[in-house]
Amino acid sequence: MSNKYLVTGGAGYVGSVVAAHLVEAGHTVTVLDDLSTGHREGVPAGTRFVEGRVQDAARYLDASYDAVLHFAAFSQVGESVTDPEKYWRNNVGGTMDLLAAMRGAGVRTLVFSSTAATYGEPETTPITESAPTAPTSPYGASKLAVDHMIAGECAAHGLAAVSLRYFNVAGAYGDCGERHDPESHLIPLVLQVAQGKREAISVYGDDYPTPDGTCVRDYIHVADLAEAHLLALEAAAPGQHLICNLGNGNGFSVREVVETVRKVTGHPVPEITAARRGGDPAVLVASAQTAVDRLGWRPSRTDLADIVADAWEFARRREAATP
């Protein structure tokens, strides 16, 4: 069955990959994005693109839509510390306006792009949805506030909603990949070294209680992530707010990522050991058992070399296309 979906933030990294998967599944997709961090060329073919803010969703949303998938958030942790009001205004205020627009249009299903940053520094790993939520940045706090807001909307107004809490998203899907500015994610940063765009990669701390002394993170392929969103649309139930962690359940250290980039690209990647960064937990690994049980989701692209290879191919295509 073909449905009609609004994808807010669909010109960004994850939103564009999800929009592409929806189109491939035969659905009608409208992408709403103000291009403040997204890219017009990243919007998948086959979608209708509307340049606009999530705060103005009521202008574009009507009863013909079956659901909304919401990715329109600012997501730079460091920036959220120095400019918290920007994050409260957009991530929280924008979602409040979106929920009001959905209520007014009678659109009663939502899939929300949440984050593992809601947990802060975990007491134990792997992290389950029952873990305490104690975000350490305004970014994480804004996403947690939205989760609470959605729960209230479900209870009061019968919204069917699923929040998907991502861990470290990586890889690429066709013409959709990471192009953040500034870039803060490890894999694209290491690939920039392989491309000669950066002299070395900084390894922040090599004395953590991990096998090689560097931080361990859970990397999930963006295509696996997208497939979870389509399953979430099917699993959403009126009046219920389901929260699912998304990760591949395996942890890879910073040094493992660097070594994998060397092997995949065939390029040397000089590294510089730097002091630990405050607030960096030694290990962040997800338990995605709820997504397995409730959504029927299982990640299939869990090999780090495959994730890096897809990201490398995307980076090389972008470089070749740049005048």
Protein backbone atom coordinates (compact mmCIF):
# COMPACT_ATOMS: atom_id res chain seq x y z
CA MET A 1 0.00 0.00 0.00
CA SER A 2 1.31 3.44 -0.93
CA ASN A 3 1.13 6.06 1.81
CA LYS A 4 1.91 9.76 1.96
CA TYR A 5 4.55 11.02 4.38
CA LEU A 6 6.02 14.34 5.45
CA VAL A 7 9.75 14.11 6.27
CA THR A 8 10.96 17.13 8.21
CA GLY A 9 14.71 17.65 7.90
CA GLY A 10 14.77 15.36 4.86
CA ALA A 11 17.68 17.24 3.28
CA GLY A 12 19.98 16.16 6.11
CA TYR A 13 22.04 13.01 6.49
CA VAL A 14 19.63 10.57 8.15
CA GLY A 15 16.45 12.23 6.90
CA SER A 16 17.54 11.98 3.27
CA VAL A 17 18.36 8.27 3.56
CA VAL A 18 15.00 7.57 5.19
CA ALA A 19 13.21 9.60 2.49
CA ALA A 20 15.04 7.57 -0.18
CA HIS A 21 13.91 4.31 1.43
CA LEU A 22 10.31 5.53 1.58
CA VAL A 23 10.34 6.40 -2.13
CA GLU A 24 11.88 3.02 -2.99
CA ALA A 25 9.07 1.38 -1.03
CA GLY A 26 6.53 3.10 -3.28
CA HIS A 27 5.37 5.88 -0.97
CA THR A 28 4.69 9.54 -1.72
CA VAL A 29 7.13 11.75 0.16
CA THR A 30 7.30 15.48 0.84
CA VAL A 31 10.58 16.76 2.28
CA LEU A 32 10.34 19.88 4.44
CA ASP A 33 13.72 21.46 5.20
CA ASP A 34 14.95 25.04 5.68
CA LEU A 35 18.45 24.06 4.42
CA SER A 36 20.09 25.63 7.47
CA THR A 37 22.11 22.44 7.90
CA GLY A 38 20.67 20.25 5.12
CA HIS A 39 21.64 20.28 1.44
CA ARG A 40 19.31 20.72 -1.52
CA GLU A 41 21.37 18.28 -3.60
CA GLY A 42 20.95 15.68 -0.88
CA VAL A 43 17.17 15.52 -1.27
CA PRO A 44 16.37 12.16 -2.89
CA ALA A 45 14.91 11.98 -6.38
CA GLY A 46 11.22 11.18 -6.43
CA THR A 47 10.34 13.39 -3.47
CA ARG A 48 8.56 16.72 -3.43
CA PHE A 49 10.78 19.34 -1.81
CA VAL A 50 9.46 22.29 0.17
CA GLU A 51 11.92 24.81 1.59
CA GLY A 52 10.56 25.86 4.94
CA ARG A 53 10.87 25.61 8.71
CA VAL A 54 9.41 22.89 10.88
CA GLN A 55 7.73 25.69 12.85
CA ASP A 56 5.64 26.38 9.75
CA ALA A 57 4.57 22.77 9.14
CA ALA A 58 0.90 23.75 9.42
CA ARG A 59 1.23 25.47 6.03
CA TYR A 60 2.08 22.20 4.33
CA LEU A 61 0.41 19.48 6.39
CA ASP A 62 -3.14 18.33 5.70
CA ALA A 63 -5.33 15.29 6.22
CA SER A 64 -3.97 13.57 3.10
CA TYR A 65 -0.78 12.69 4.99
CA ASP A 66 -0.58 9.35 6.78
CA ALA A 67 2.34 10.19 9.09
CA VAL A 68 5.26 12.48 9.82
CA LEU A 69 8.89 11.45 10.23
CA HIS A 70 10.67 14.18 12.18
CA PHE A 71 14.41 14.86 11.71
CA ALA A 72 14.46 18.67 11.79
CA ALA A 73 16.75 19.28 14.75
CA PHE A 74 20.09 20.92 15.39
CA SER A 75 22.51 18.23 16.59
CA GLN A 76 25.95 19.68 17.39
CA VAL A 77 26.69 18.90 21.04
CA GLY A 78 29.39 21.53 21.41
CA GLU A 79 27.29 24.26 19.83
CA SER A 80 24.40 23.39 22.12
CA VAL A 81 26.61 24.19 25.12
CA THR A 82 27.58 27.63 23.81
CA ASP A 83 24.20 28.47 22.22
CA PRO A 84 21.58 26.51 24.20
CA GLU A 85 18.70 28.82 23.34
CA LYS A 86 19.08 27.89 19.66
CA TYR A 87 18.49 24.25 20.57
CA TRP A 88 15.53 24.89 22.86
CA ARG A 89 13.91 27.18 20.30
CA ASN A 90 14.26 24.82 17.34
CA ASN A 91 14.34 21.31 18.76
CA VAL A 92 11.70 21.82 21.44
CA GLY A 93 9.72 24.79 20.17
CA GLY A 94 9.76 23.51 16.60
CA THR A 95 8.46 20.11 17.67
CA MET A 96 5.71 21.73 19.73
CA ASP A 97 4.58 23.60 16.61
CA LEU A 98 4.80 20.38 14.57
CA LEU A 99 2.64 18.47 17.04
CA ALA A 100 0.06 21.25 16.94
CA ALA A 101 0.08 21.14 13.13
CA MET A 102 -0.39 17.37 13.17
CA ARG A 103 -3.26 17.68 15.63
CA GLY A 104 -4.92 20.34 13.49
CA ALA A 105 -4.58 18.30 10.31
CA GLY A 106 -5.66 15.03 11.89
CA VAL A 107 -2.31 13.33 11.18
CA ARG A 108 -1.95 10.86 14.03
CA THR A 109 1.32 8.95 13.49
CA LEU A 110 4.85 10.20 14.22
CA VAL A 111 8.32 8.68 14.07
CA PHE A 112 10.84 10.85 15.91
CA SER A 113 14.60 10.96 15.44
CA SER A 114 15.86 10.83 19.02
CA THR A 115 19.37 10.14 20.30
CA ALA A 116 21.49 8.17 22.73
CA ALA A 117 22.58 11.56 24.09
CA THR A 118 19.44 11.42 26.23
CA TYR A 119 21.24 8.88 28.46
CA GLY A 120 24.33 10.98 29.15
CA GLU A 121 27.11 8.96 30.78
CA PRO A 122 25.63 5.50 31.35
CA GLU A 123 26.07 3.53 34.55
CA THR A 124 26.17 0.20 32.69
CA THR A 125 26.43 -1.10 29.12
CA PRO A 126 24.88 -2.21 26.88
CA ILE A 127 22.38 0.58 27.33
CA THR A 128 18.69 -0.34 27.46
CA GLU A 129 15.69 1.97 27.24
CA SER A 130 15.19 1.60 31.00
CA ALA A 131 18.58 3.20 31.72
CA PRO A 132 18.46 6.52 33.59
CA THR A 133 18.21 9.56 31.31
CA ALA A 134 20.71 12.20 32.39
CA PRO A 135 21.83 14.17 29.32
CA THR A 136 25.08 16.11 29.68
CA SER A 137 24.36 18.73 26.99
CA PRO A 138 21.49 21.02 25.99
CA TYR A 139 21.28 19.00 22.76
CA GLY A 140 20.59 15.76 24.64
CA ALA A 141 18.28 17.58 27.06
CA SER A 142 16.28 19.09 24.19
CA LYS A 143 15.76 15.65 22.63
CA LEU A 144 14.70 14.20 25.97
CA ALA A 145 12.26 17.08 26.44
CA VAL A 146 10.72 16.25 23.05
CA ASP A 147 10.37 12.60 24.07
CA HIS A 148 8.44 13.73 27.15
CA MET A 149 6.35 16.06 25.00
CA ILE A 150 5.48 13.24 22.61
CA ALA A 151 4.50 10.96 25.50
CA GLY A 152 2.07 13.61 26.69
CA GLU A 153 0.64 14.02 23.19
CA CYS A 154 0.04 10.28 22.95
CA ALA A 155 -1.70 10.12 26.32
CA ALA A 156 -3.84 13.22 25.83
CA HIS A 157 -4.64 13.13 22.13
CA GLY A 158 -4.14 9.54 20.96
CA LEU A 159 -1.00 10.12 18.89
CA ALA A 160 0.75 6.94 17.71
CA ALA A 161 4.48 7.59 18.11
CA VAL A 162 7.84 5.86 18.05
CA SER A 163 11.06 7.55 19.20
CA LEU A 164 14.23 5.97 17.83
CA ARG A 165 17.33 6.68 19.91
CA TYR A 166 20.35 6.41 17.63
CA PHE A 167 23.87 5.65 18.67
CA ASN A 168 26.71 6.46 16.20
CA VAL A 169 25.27 6.60 12.68
CA ALA A 170 27.77 6.06 9.87
CA GLY A 171 28.16 4.91 6.29
CA ALA A 172 26.33 6.17 3.20
CA TYR A 173 23.49 5.17 0.92
CA GLY A 174 23.84 6.03 -2.75
CA ASP A 175 24.10 9.80 -3.07
CA CYS A 176 23.18 10.35 0.57
CA GLY A 177 25.97 10.59 3.12
CA GLU A 178 27.56 12.74 5.81
CA ARG A 179 28.40 16.29 4.85
CA HIS A 180 28.25 18.16 8.15
CA ASP A 181 29.88 21.58 8.47
CA PRO A 182 31.67 21.57 10.79
CA GLU A 183 32.23 17.82 10.80
CA SER A 184 32.38 16.25 14.25
CA HIS A 185 31.87 12.53 13.60
CA LEU A 186 34.85 10.21 13.78
CA ILE A 187 34.58 8.19 10.56
CA PRO A 188 34.26 11.15 8.14
CA LEU A 189 37.01 12.96 10.05
CA VAL A 190 39.40 10.02 9.64
CA LEU A 191 38.43 9.78 5.96
CA GLN A 192 39.37 13.45 5.56
CA VAL A 193 42.87 12.50 6.70
CA ALA A 194 42.97 9.72 4.10
CA GLN A 195 41.90 12.27 1.47
CA GLY A 196 44.68 14.65 2.46
CA LYS A 197 42.23 17.28 3.69
CA ARG A 198 43.42 16.97 7.28
CA GLU A 199 46.98 16.29 8.47
CA ALA A 200 46.16 13.84 11.26
CA ILE A 201 43.37 12.51 13.42
CA SER A 202 43.36 13.40 17.09
CA VAL A 203 42.76 10.49 19.45
CA TYR A 204 41.37 11.96 22.64
CA GLY A 205 42.67 9.76 25.42
CA ASP A 206 44.46 6.42 25.20
CA ASP A 207 44.19 5.39 28.84
CA TYR A 208 40.54 4.36 29.08
CA PRO A 209 39.67 0.97 30.62
CA THR A 210 39.17 -0.59 27.17
CA PRO A 211 41.25 -3.20 25.29
CA ASP A 212 43.39 -0.60 23.46
CA GLY A 213 42.85 2.35 25.81
CA THR A 214 40.63 4.36 23.44
CA CYS A 215 36.90 5.00 23.65
CA VAL A 216 34.52 2.34 22.33
CA ARG A 217 31.38 3.30 20.38
CA ASP A 218 28.50 1.50 18.69
CA TYR A 219 28.35 2.29 14.95
CA ILE A 220 25.14 1.67 13.01
CA HIS A 221 24.88 1.82 9.23
CA VAL A 222 22.56 4.59 8.07
CA ALA A 223 20.69 2.18 5.77
CA ASP A 224 19.95 -0.16 8.70
CA LEU A 225 18.73 2.90 10.58
CA ALA A 226 16.42 3.87 7.70
CA GLU A 227 14.88 0.42 7.61
CA ALA A 228 14.01 0.76 11.30
CA HIS A 229 12.00 3.91 10.52
CA LEU A 230 9.83 2.10 7.99
CA LEU A 231 9.20 -0.67 10.51
CA ALA A 232 8.40 1.93 13.16
CA LEU A 233 5.64 3.35 10.97
CA GLU A 234 4.01 -0.07 10.96
CA ALA A 235 4.48 -0.62 14.71
CA ALA A 236 3.11 2.74 15.90
CA ALA A 237 -0.09 2.29 17.91
CA PRO A 238 -2.66 4.98 18.86
CA GLY A 239 -2.14 6.40 22.33
CA GLN A 240 1.24 4.70 22.75
CA HIS A 241 4.76 6.11 22.75
CA LEU A 242 7.33 3.43 22.00
CA ILE A 243 11.03 4.17 22.56
CA CYS A 244 13.66 1.99 20.88
CA ASN A 245 17.44 2.16 20.92
CA LEU A 246 19.13 1.60 17.57
CA GLY A 247 22.67 0.26 17.41
CA ASN A 248 24.38 -2.82 16.07
CA GLY A 249 25.26 -4.09 19.55
CA ASN A 250 28.98 -4.15 18.83
CA GLY A 251 31.54 -1.68 20.05
CA PHE A 252 34.53 -0.44 18.04
CA SER A 253 37.34 1.59 19.54
CA VAL A 254 38.73 4.80 18.07
CA ARG A 255 41.92 2.97 17.12
CA GLU A 256 39.92 0.19 15.44
CA VAL A 257 38.15 2.80 13.34
CA VAL A 258 41.45 4.44 12.36
CA GLU A 259 43.01 1.10 11.43
CA THR A 260 39.95 0.11 9.44
CA VAL A 261 40.12 3.36 7.46
CA ARG A 262 43.77 2.62 6.68
CA LYS A 263 42.88 -0.83 5.37
CA VAL A 264 39.84 0.25 3.37
CA THR A 265 41.40 3.32 1.77
CA GLY A 266 44.99 2.15 1.42
CA HIS A 267 46.14 5.53 2.72
CA PRO A 268 48.25 6.31 5.77
CA VAL A 269 46.35 8.01 8.57
CA PRO A 270 48.67 9.77 11.02
CA GLU A 271 47.23 10.05 14.51
CA ILE A 272 47.97 12.36 17.41
CA THR A 273 47.23 11.34 20.98
CA ALA A 274 45.56 14.17 22.85
CA ALA A 275 44.15 14.61 26.33
CA ARG A 276 40.77 13.14 27.17
CA ARG A 277 37.74 15.30 26.48
CA GLY A 278 35.45 15.97 29.41
CA GLY A 279 32.28 13.92 29.40
CA ASP A 280 33.53 11.17 27.07
CA PRO A 281 32.43 7.81 28.56
CA ALA A 282 34.78 4.88 27.98
CA VAL A 283 32.12 2.68 26.37
CA LEU A 284 28.79 3.47 24.71
CA VAL A 285 27.10 0.38 23.26
CA ALA A 286 23.39 -0.10 22.67
CA SER A 287 21.03 -2.89 23.42
CA ALA A 288 18.61 -2.88 20.47
CA GLN A 289 16.56 -5.79 21.81
CA THR A 290 13.40 -3.68 22.05
CA ALA A 291 13.69 -2.79 18.35
CA VAL A 292 14.21 -6.46 17.54
CA ASP A 293 11.20 -7.53 19.62
CA ARG A 294 8.77 -4.69 18.86
CA LEU A 295 9.74 -3.64 15.34
CA GLY A 296 11.09 -6.90 13.98
CA TRP A 297 14.30 -5.05 13.10
CA ARG A 298 17.71 -6.62 12.71
CA PRO A 299 20.72 -4.69 11.42
CA SER A 300 22.43 -6.44 8.52
CA ARG A 301 25.37 -4.09 7.81
CA THR A 302 27.29 -4.52 11.04
CA ASP A 303 30.83 -5.03 9.72
CA LEU A 304 32.93 -1.93 10.38
CA ALA A 305 34.88 -2.33 7.13
CA ASP A 306 31.65 -2.30 5.11
CA ILE A 307 30.40 0.80 6.93
CA VAL A 308 33.70 2.60 6.29
CA ALA A 309 33.80 1.45 2.65
CA ASP A 310 30.38 2.98 1.93
CA ALA A 311 31.38 6.25 3.60
CA TRP A 312 34.68 6.25 1.66
CA GLU A 313 32.91 5.75 -1.67
CA PHE A 314 30.56 8.65 -0.91
CA ALA A 315 33.48 10.90 0.12
CA ARG A 316 35.38 10.09 -3.09
CA ARG A 317 32.32 10.79 -5.27
CA ARG A 318 31.85 14.15 -3.60
CA GLU A 319 35.50 15.00 -4.08
CA ALA A 320 35.37 14.03 -7.77
CA ALA A 321 32.26 16.18 -8.28
CA THR A 322 33.82 19.26 -6.65
CA PRO A 323 35.28 21.70 -9.21
